[in-house]
Amino acid sequence: MNWFYLILAGIFEIGWPLGLKLSQTMPSKILGILIAVISMSLSGVFLWLAQKTIPIGTAYAVWTGIGAVGTLLIGIFYFGDSASFWRMFSALLIVIGIVGLKLAN
C-alpha cells in the first residue's frame, strides 16, 4: 500500500508545476495557484504516508522522479516543449532509476 501512496504522491507532485504554469495561461490566475497549493499539500501527505515503510532516500528519489518525468511529458504533450532525443533519453534514464530503486527495495 505504501508504494501506492508513493505513486500518488508523485502524481500530485506533477500537479503543482502544472498549476503554476496554468496560472500563467488561464484568465483566472487564482485557479492555477489553487491547483498548485492543493497538489503540493496532497503530494506531501502521500509522501509522508509512503515513508512509513519505504526508506526516505528511495521514497524521495521515486517521488521527484515521477514528478520530473511526468511534468516533462505534460510540457511536451500540452505546452509544445521540445521532445528532442536527449530530453527523452534522459527521462528514460530517470525511469530506469525509479524501477531500479523499486526492485532494490
N, C-alpha and C. Protein backbone atom coordinates (compact mmCIF):
# COMPACT_ATOMS: atom_id res chain seq x y z
N MET A 1 0.82 -1.20 0.00
CA MET A 1 0.00 0.00 0.00
C MET A 1 0.86 1.26 0.00
N ASN A 2 2.04 1.19 0.65
CA ASN A 2 2.88 2.38 0.72
C ASN A 2 3.46 2.75 -0.64
N TRP A 3 3.70 1.77 -1.51
CA TRP A 3 4.14 2.11 -2.87
C TRP A 3 3.02 2.79 -3.64
N PHE A 4 1.78 2.40 -3.38
CA PHE A 4 0.63 3.07 -3.99
C PHE A 4 0.59 4.53 -3.54
N TYR A 5 0.81 4.76 -2.23
CA TYR A 5 0.86 6.13 -1.72
C TYR A 5 1.99 6.93 -2.38
N LEU A 6 3.11 6.27 -2.59
CA LEU A 6 4.25 6.96 -3.20
C LEU A 6 3.95 7.34 -4.64
N ILE A 7 3.28 6.46 -5.37
CA ILE A 7 2.90 6.79 -6.76
C ILE A 7 1.91 7.95 -6.77
N LEU A 8 0.94 7.92 -5.85
CA LEU A 8 0.00 9.05 -5.75
C LEU A 8 0.74 10.35 -5.42
N ALA A 9 1.69 10.26 -4.51
CA ALA A 9 2.48 11.44 -4.15
C ALA A 9 3.20 11.98 -5.39
N GLY A 10 3.76 11.09 -6.20
CA GLY A 10 4.44 11.51 -7.43
C GLY A 10 3.50 12.15 -8.43
N ILE A 11 2.29 11.60 -8.54
CA ILE A 11 1.31 12.18 -9.46
C ILE A 11 0.92 13.59 -9.00
N PHE A 12 0.69 13.75 -7.70
CA PHE A 12 0.37 15.09 -7.20
C PHE A 12 1.58 16.03 -7.28
N GLU A 13 2.78 15.47 -7.28
CA GLU A 13 3.98 16.28 -7.47
C GLU A 13 3.98 16.92 -8.85
N ILE A 14 3.36 16.25 -9.81
CA ILE A 14 3.21 16.82 -11.17
C ILE A 14 2.24 18.00 -11.13
N GLY A 15 1.27 17.94 -10.24
CA GLY A 15 0.20 18.94 -10.22
C GLY A 15 0.62 20.34 -9.85
N TRP A 16 1.66 20.47 -9.01
CA TRP A 16 1.97 21.85 -8.60
C TRP A 16 2.69 22.64 -9.68
N PRO A 17 3.68 22.11 -10.42
CA PRO A 17 4.22 22.93 -11.51
C PRO A 17 3.19 23.13 -12.63
N LEU A 18 2.32 22.14 -12.82
CA LEU A 18 1.25 22.31 -13.80
C LEU A 18 0.33 23.46 -13.38
N GLY A 19 -0.05 23.48 -12.11
CA GLY A 19 -0.90 24.57 -11.62
C GLY A 19 -0.25 25.93 -11.78
N LEU A 20 1.06 26.00 -11.50
CA LEU A 20 1.76 27.28 -11.68
C LEU A 20 1.79 27.69 -13.15
N LYS A 21 2.00 26.73 -14.04
CA LYS A 21 2.00 27.03 -15.48
C LYS A 21 0.61 27.48 -15.92
N LEU A 22 -0.42 26.78 -15.43
CA LEU A 22 -1.79 27.17 -15.79
C LEU A 22 -2.12 28.56 -15.28
N SER A 23 -1.58 28.93 -14.14
CA SER A 23 -1.85 30.27 -13.61
C SER A 23 -1.30 31.37 -14.51
N GLN A 24 -0.32 31.01 -15.35
CA GLN A 24 0.24 31.97 -16.30
C GLN A 24 -0.54 32.02 -17.60
N THR A 25 -1.34 30.99 -17.87
CA THR A 25 -2.02 30.92 -19.16
C THR A 25 -3.53 31.04 -19.06
N MET A 26 -4.09 30.92 -17.87
CA MET A 26 -5.54 30.98 -17.69
C MET A 26 -5.97 32.40 -17.37
N PRO A 27 -7.22 32.73 -17.71
CA PRO A 27 -7.71 34.05 -17.34
C PRO A 27 -7.72 34.26 -15.82
N SER A 28 -8.04 33.20 -15.07
CA SER A 28 -8.06 33.29 -13.61
C SER A 28 -6.79 32.68 -13.04
N LYS A 29 -5.88 33.52 -12.59
CA LYS A 29 -4.63 33.04 -12.01
C LYS A 29 -4.87 32.27 -10.71
N ILE A 30 -5.92 32.63 -10.01
CA ILE A 30 -6.22 32.04 -8.71
C ILE A 30 -6.47 30.53 -8.85
N LEU A 31 -7.17 30.10 -9.88
CA LEU A 31 -7.47 28.68 -10.06
C LEU A 31 -6.19 27.87 -10.23
N GLY A 32 -5.27 28.35 -11.04
CA GLY A 32 -3.99 27.67 -11.23
C GLY A 32 -3.19 27.59 -9.94
N ILE A 33 -3.15 28.67 -9.20
CA ILE A 33 -2.42 28.69 -7.93
C ILE A 33 -3.09 27.75 -6.92
N LEU A 34 -4.42 27.71 -6.93
CA LEU A 34 -5.15 26.80 -6.05
C LEU A 34 -4.83 25.34 -6.39
N ILE A 35 -4.78 25.02 -7.66
CA ILE A 35 -4.39 23.67 -8.09
C ILE A 35 -2.99 23.34 -7.58
N ALA A 36 -2.08 24.30 -7.70
CA ALA A 36 -0.70 24.09 -7.24
C ALA A 36 -0.65 23.84 -5.73
N VAL A 37 -1.33 24.64 -4.96
CA VAL A 37 -1.29 24.52 -3.50
C VAL A 37 -1.92 23.21 -3.03
N ILE A 38 -3.05 22.84 -3.62
CA ILE A 38 -3.70 21.58 -3.25
C ILE A 38 -2.82 20.40 -3.64
N SER A 39 -2.22 20.47 -4.82
CA SER A 39 -1.34 19.39 -5.26
C SER A 39 -0.12 19.26 -4.35
N MET A 40 0.48 20.38 -3.97
CA MET A 40 1.62 20.35 -3.04
C MET A 40 1.23 19.67 -1.74
N SER A 41 0.08 20.05 -1.22
CA SER A 41 -0.37 19.50 0.07
C SER A 41 -0.61 18.00 -0.02
N LEU A 42 -1.33 17.57 -1.05
CA LEU A 42 -1.62 16.14 -1.20
C LEU A 42 -0.35 15.35 -1.48
N SER A 43 0.54 15.92 -2.26
CA SER A 43 1.80 15.26 -2.55
C SER A 43 2.58 15.02 -1.26
N GLY A 44 2.63 16.01 -0.41
CA GLY A 44 3.34 15.89 0.86
C GLY A 44 2.70 14.87 1.79
N VAL A 45 1.38 14.85 1.86
CA VAL A 45 0.68 13.89 2.72
C VAL A 45 0.95 12.46 2.24
N PHE A 46 0.84 12.22 0.94
CA PHE A 46 1.06 10.87 0.44
C PHE A 46 2.53 10.45 0.57
N LEU A 47 3.45 11.38 0.41
CA LEU A 47 4.86 11.06 0.64
C LEU A 47 5.07 10.68 2.10
N TRP A 48 4.48 11.41 3.00
CA TRP A 48 4.58 11.12 4.42
C TRP A 48 4.06 9.72 4.73
N LEU A 49 2.92 9.37 4.15
CA LEU A 49 2.36 8.03 4.36
C LEU A 49 3.28 6.95 3.80
N ALA A 50 3.84 7.19 2.63
CA ALA A 50 4.70 6.21 1.98
C ALA A 50 5.97 5.95 2.78
N GLN A 51 6.48 6.99 3.43
CA GLN A 51 7.74 6.86 4.14
C GLN A 51 7.63 6.07 5.45
N LYS A 52 6.45 5.62 5.77
CA LYS A 52 6.31 4.79 6.98
C LYS A 52 7.09 3.49 6.83
N THR A 53 7.16 2.95 5.60
CA THR A 53 7.90 1.69 5.40
C THR A 53 8.93 1.76 4.28
N ILE A 54 8.85 2.75 3.44
CA ILE A 54 9.82 2.90 2.35
C ILE A 54 10.95 3.80 2.83
N PRO A 55 12.21 3.40 2.63
CA PRO A 55 13.33 4.24 3.07
C PRO A 55 13.24 5.66 2.48
N ILE A 56 13.64 6.63 3.27
CA ILE A 56 13.49 8.03 2.87
C ILE A 56 14.19 8.35 1.54
N GLY A 57 15.39 7.83 1.35
CA GLY A 57 16.12 8.11 0.11
C GLY A 57 15.43 7.53 -1.10
N THR A 58 14.92 6.32 -0.96
CA THR A 58 14.18 5.70 -2.07
C THR A 58 12.90 6.46 -2.33
N ALA A 59 12.16 6.77 -1.28
CA ALA A 59 10.88 7.48 -1.45
C ALA A 59 11.10 8.84 -2.11
N TYR A 60 12.10 9.56 -1.67
CA TYR A 60 12.34 10.89 -2.22
C TYR A 60 12.75 10.81 -3.69
N ALA A 61 13.64 9.89 -4.01
CA ALA A 61 14.10 9.76 -5.41
C ALA A 61 12.95 9.35 -6.33
N VAL A 62 12.12 8.42 -5.90
CA VAL A 62 10.99 7.99 -6.73
C VAL A 62 9.98 9.12 -6.86
N TRP A 63 9.69 9.79 -5.77
CA TRP A 63 8.73 10.90 -5.75
C TRP A 63 9.15 12.01 -6.72
N THR A 64 10.39 12.44 -6.62
CA THR A 64 10.86 13.50 -7.51
C THR A 64 11.00 13.01 -8.94
N GLY A 65 11.36 11.73 -9.12
CA GLY A 65 11.47 11.18 -10.48
C GLY A 65 10.14 11.15 -11.19
N ILE A 66 9.10 10.69 -10.49
CA ILE A 66 7.76 10.69 -11.09
C ILE A 66 7.34 12.11 -11.42
N GLY A 67 7.59 13.02 -10.50
CA GLY A 67 7.23 14.42 -10.74
C GLY A 67 7.97 15.02 -11.91
N ALA A 68 9.27 14.73 -12.01
CA ALA A 68 10.08 15.31 -13.09
C ALA A 68 9.68 14.75 -14.46
N VAL A 69 9.57 13.44 -14.56
CA VAL A 69 9.23 12.84 -15.85
C VAL A 69 7.79 13.18 -16.24
N GLY A 70 6.89 13.13 -15.27
CA GLY A 70 5.50 13.47 -15.56
C GLY A 70 5.35 14.91 -16.03
N THR A 71 6.05 15.82 -15.37
CA THR A 71 5.99 17.23 -15.76
C THR A 71 6.61 17.43 -17.14
N LEU A 72 7.71 16.73 -17.41
CA LEU A 72 8.33 16.80 -18.72
C LEU A 72 7.35 16.37 -19.81
N LEU A 73 6.65 15.26 -19.58
CA LEU A 73 5.70 14.76 -20.58
C LEU A 73 4.51 15.70 -20.76
N ILE A 74 4.02 16.28 -19.68
CA ILE A 74 2.92 17.25 -19.81
C ILE A 74 3.39 18.46 -20.61
N GLY A 75 4.62 18.90 -20.35
CA GLY A 75 5.16 20.01 -21.12
C GLY A 75 5.24 19.70 -22.61
N ILE A 76 5.62 18.49 -22.94
CA ILE A 76 5.73 18.08 -24.34
C ILE A 76 4.35 17.98 -24.98
N PHE A 77 3.44 17.27 -24.32
CA PHE A 77 2.13 16.99 -24.94
C PHE A 77 1.17 18.16 -24.92
N TYR A 78 1.24 19.02 -23.91
CA TYR A 78 0.24 20.08 -23.78
C TYR A 78 0.78 21.51 -23.96
N PHE A 79 2.08 21.68 -23.83
CA PHE A 79 2.62 23.04 -23.92
C PHE A 79 3.64 23.20 -25.04
N GLY A 80 3.81 22.18 -25.85
CA GLY A 80 4.69 22.28 -27.01
C GLY A 80 6.18 22.31 -26.70
N ASP A 81 6.59 21.79 -25.54
CA ASP A 81 8.01 21.74 -25.22
C ASP A 81 8.72 20.76 -26.16
N SER A 82 9.99 20.93 -26.28
CA SER A 82 10.80 20.09 -27.15
C SER A 82 10.79 18.63 -26.69
N ALA A 83 10.72 17.72 -27.66
CA ALA A 83 10.81 16.28 -27.38
C ALA A 83 12.06 15.73 -28.05
N SER A 84 13.16 16.41 -27.86
CA SER A 84 14.40 16.01 -28.53
C SER A 84 14.87 14.65 -28.00
N PHE A 85 15.73 14.04 -28.76
CA PHE A 85 16.26 12.74 -28.38
C PHE A 85 16.88 12.78 -26.99
N TRP A 86 17.70 13.78 -26.72
CA TRP A 86 18.43 13.82 -25.45
C TRP A 86 17.50 14.06 -24.27
N ARG A 87 16.46 14.83 -24.46
CA ARG A 87 15.49 15.01 -23.37
C ARG A 87 14.77 13.70 -23.07
N MET A 88 14.35 13.01 -24.12
CA MET A 88 13.64 11.74 -23.93
C MET A 88 14.57 10.66 -23.37
N PHE A 89 15.80 10.63 -23.84
CA PHE A 89 16.78 9.67 -23.34
C PHE A 89 17.05 9.91 -21.86
N SER A 90 17.19 11.15 -21.50
CA SER A 90 17.44 11.50 -20.09
C SER A 90 16.25 11.11 -19.22
N ALA A 91 15.03 11.33 -19.71
CA ALA A 91 13.84 10.93 -18.97
C ALA A 91 13.80 9.41 -18.81
N LEU A 92 14.20 8.70 -19.85
CA LEU A 92 14.25 7.24 -19.77
C LEU A 92 15.22 6.78 -18.68
N LEU A 93 16.34 7.46 -18.56
CA LEU A 93 17.29 7.12 -17.51
C LEU A 93 16.68 7.32 -16.11
N ILE A 94 15.88 8.36 -15.97
CA ILE A 94 15.20 8.59 -14.69
C ILE A 94 14.23 7.45 -14.41
N VAL A 95 13.47 7.05 -15.41
CA VAL A 95 12.52 5.95 -15.25
C VAL A 95 13.25 4.66 -14.89
N ILE A 96 14.37 4.39 -15.55
CA ILE A 96 15.17 3.21 -15.24
C ILE A 96 15.64 3.26 -13.79
N GLY A 97 16.03 4.43 -13.33
CA GLY A 97 16.44 4.60 -11.94
C GLY A 97 15.31 4.34 -10.97
N ILE A 98 14.11 4.82 -11.29
CA ILE A 98 12.94 4.59 -10.43
C ILE A 98 12.65 3.09 -10.33
N VAL A 99 12.65 2.41 -11.47
CA VAL A 99 12.39 0.96 -11.48
C VAL A 99 13.50 0.25 -10.68
N GLY A 100 14.73 0.66 -10.87
CA GLY A 100 15.83 0.05 -10.13
C GLY A 100 15.68 0.22 -8.63
N LEU A 101 15.26 1.38 -8.19
CA LEU A 101 15.05 1.60 -6.76
C LEU A 101 13.92 0.74 -6.22
N LYS A 102 12.88 0.56 -7.02
CA LYS A 102 11.79 -0.30 -6.58
C LYS A 102 12.26 -1.75 -6.47
N LEU A 103 13.01 -2.21 -7.45
CA LEU A 103 13.48 -3.59 -7.43
C LEU A 103 14.48 -3.83 -6.31
N ALA A 104 15.26 -2.81 -5.96
CA ALA A 104 16.28 -2.95 -4.93
C ALA A 104 15.70 -2.86 -3.51
N ASN A 105 14.48 -2.40 -3.40
CA ASN A 105 13.87 -2.19 -2.09
C ASN A 105 13.38 -3.47 -1.47
